[in-house]
Amino acid sequence: MAVPKRKTSQARTSGRKAANMKKVATGTSVCPQCHEPKLPHRVCPNCGYYKGKDVVGE
């Protein structure tokens, strides 16, 4: 089994983790029913509509 010979430095560890910190949040779209921001291709958490139909209120 492979075992590292030296301890990984904090700079090397932080530099590797820093690449994941740069990720940007996904874009949001506007719900056509209530005009609140929502994630695209998902049910609106505010009014429960998806593609013009009431999905949650049924």
C-alpha atoms as a PDB file:
ATOM      1  CA  MET A   1       0.000   0.000   0.000  1.00  0.00           C
ATOM      2  CA  ALA A   2       1.352   3.443  -0.898  1.00  0.00           C
ATOM      3  CA  VAL A   3       2.196   5.644   2.080  1.00  0.00           C
ATOM      4  CA  PRO A   4       3.421   9.259   1.776  1.00  0.00           C
ATOM      5  CA  LYS A   5       6.993   9.844   2.950  1.00  0.00           C
ATOM      6  CA  ARG A   6       6.405  13.435   4.071  1.00  0.00           C
ATOM      7  CA  LYS A   7       3.549  15.371   5.630  1.00  0.00           C
ATOM      8  CA  THR A   8       1.583  17.399   3.094  1.00  0.00           C
ATOM      9  CA  SER A   9       2.193  21.089   3.776  1.00  0.00           C
ATOM     10  CA  GLN A  10      -0.631  23.469   4.632  1.00  0.00           C
ATOM     11  CA  ALA A  11       0.086  25.584   1.537  1.00  0.00           C
ATOM     12  CA  ARG A  12      -0.224  22.577  -0.753  1.00  0.00           C
ATOM     13  CA  THR A  13      -3.436  21.411   0.921  1.00  0.00           C
ATOM     14  CA  SER A  14      -4.982  24.904   0.913  1.00  0.00           C
ATOM     15  CA  GLY A  15      -3.997  25.489  -2.699  1.00  0.00           C
ATOM     16  CA  ARG A  16      -5.703  22.270  -3.757  1.00  0.00           C
ATOM     17  CA  LYS A  17      -8.882  23.127  -1.827  1.00  0.00           C
ATOM     18  CA  ALA A  18      -8.920  26.704  -3.148  1.00  0.00           C
ATOM     19  CA  ALA A  19      -9.895  25.514  -6.637  1.00  0.00           C
ATOM     20  CA  ASN A  20     -13.268  24.345  -5.295  1.00  0.00           C
ATOM     21  CA  MET A  21     -13.926  27.685  -3.586  1.00  0.00           C
ATOM     22  CA  LYS A  22     -14.000  29.484  -6.940  1.00  0.00           C
ATOM     23  CA  LYS A  23     -17.164  27.744  -8.120  1.00  0.00           C
ATOM     24  CA  VAL A  24     -20.007  30.133  -8.943  1.00  0.00           C
ATOM     25  CA  ALA A  25     -23.609  29.564  -7.927  1.00  0.00           C
ATOM     26  CA  THR A  26     -25.917  28.363 -10.686  1.00  0.00           C
ATOM     27  CA  GLY A  27     -28.032  30.903 -12.528  1.00  0.00           C
ATOM     28  CA  THR A  28     -31.596  31.492 -11.481  1.00  0.00           C
ATOM     29  CA  SER A  29     -34.648  32.085 -13.627  1.00  0.00           C
ATOM     30  CA  VAL A  30     -37.864  33.945 -12.825  1.00  0.00           C
ATOM     31  CA  CYS A  31     -41.098  32.088 -12.116  1.00  0.00           C
ATOM     32  CA  PRO A  32     -43.759  33.143 -14.637  1.00  0.00           C
ATOM     33  CA  GLN A  33     -46.524  32.775 -12.015  1.00  0.00           C
ATOM     34  CA  CYS A  34     -45.223  34.610  -8.938  1.00  0.00           C
ATOM     35  CA  HIS A  35     -42.134  36.336 -10.467  1.00  0.00           C
ATOM     36  CA  GLU A  36     -39.838  35.026  -7.714  1.00  0.00           C
ATOM     37  CA  PRO A  37     -36.341  33.691  -8.501  1.00  0.00           C
ATOM     38  CA  LYS A  38     -36.097  29.903  -8.803  1.00  0.00           C
ATOM     39  CA  LEU A  39     -33.708  27.308 -10.139  1.00  0.00           C
ATOM     40  CA  PRO A  40     -34.331  26.419 -13.800  1.00  0.00           C
ATOM     41  CA  HIS A  41     -36.189  23.176 -14.641  1.00  0.00           C
ATOM     42  CA  ARG A  42     -37.518  22.831 -11.084  1.00  0.00           C
ATOM     43  CA  VAL A  43     -40.784  23.435  -9.257  1.00  0.00           C
ATOM     44  CA  CYS A  44     -41.048  26.949  -7.843  1.00  0.00           C
ATOM     45  CA  PRO A  45     -40.583  26.728  -4.055  1.00  0.00           C
ATOM     46  CA  ASN A  46     -42.762  29.799  -3.545  1.00  0.00           C
ATOM     47  CA  CYS A  47     -45.956  28.965  -5.483  1.00  0.00           C
ATOM     48  CA  GLY A  48     -45.493  25.274  -6.431  1.00  0.00           C
ATOM     49  CA  TYR A  49     -45.986  25.729 -10.184  1.00  0.00           C
ATOM     50  CA  TYR A  50     -43.992  24.013 -12.933  1.00  0.00           C
ATOM     51  CA  LYS A  51     -44.562  24.666 -16.658  1.00  0.00           C
ATOM     52  CA  GLY A  52     -47.771  26.571 -15.922  1.00  0.00           C
ATOM     53  CA  LYS A  53     -49.345  23.754 -13.878  1.00  0.00           C
ATOM     54  CA  ASP A  54     -49.945  23.560 -10.126  1.00  0.00           C
ATOM     55  CA  VAL A  55     -47.825  20.569  -9.096  1.00  0.00           C
ATOM     56  CA  VAL A  56     -47.512  20.924  -5.309  1.00  0.00           C
ATOM     57  CA  GLY A  57     -51.056  22.104  -4.532  1.00  0.00           C
ATOM     58  CA  GLU A  58     -52.741  18.974  -5.920  1.00  0.00           C
END
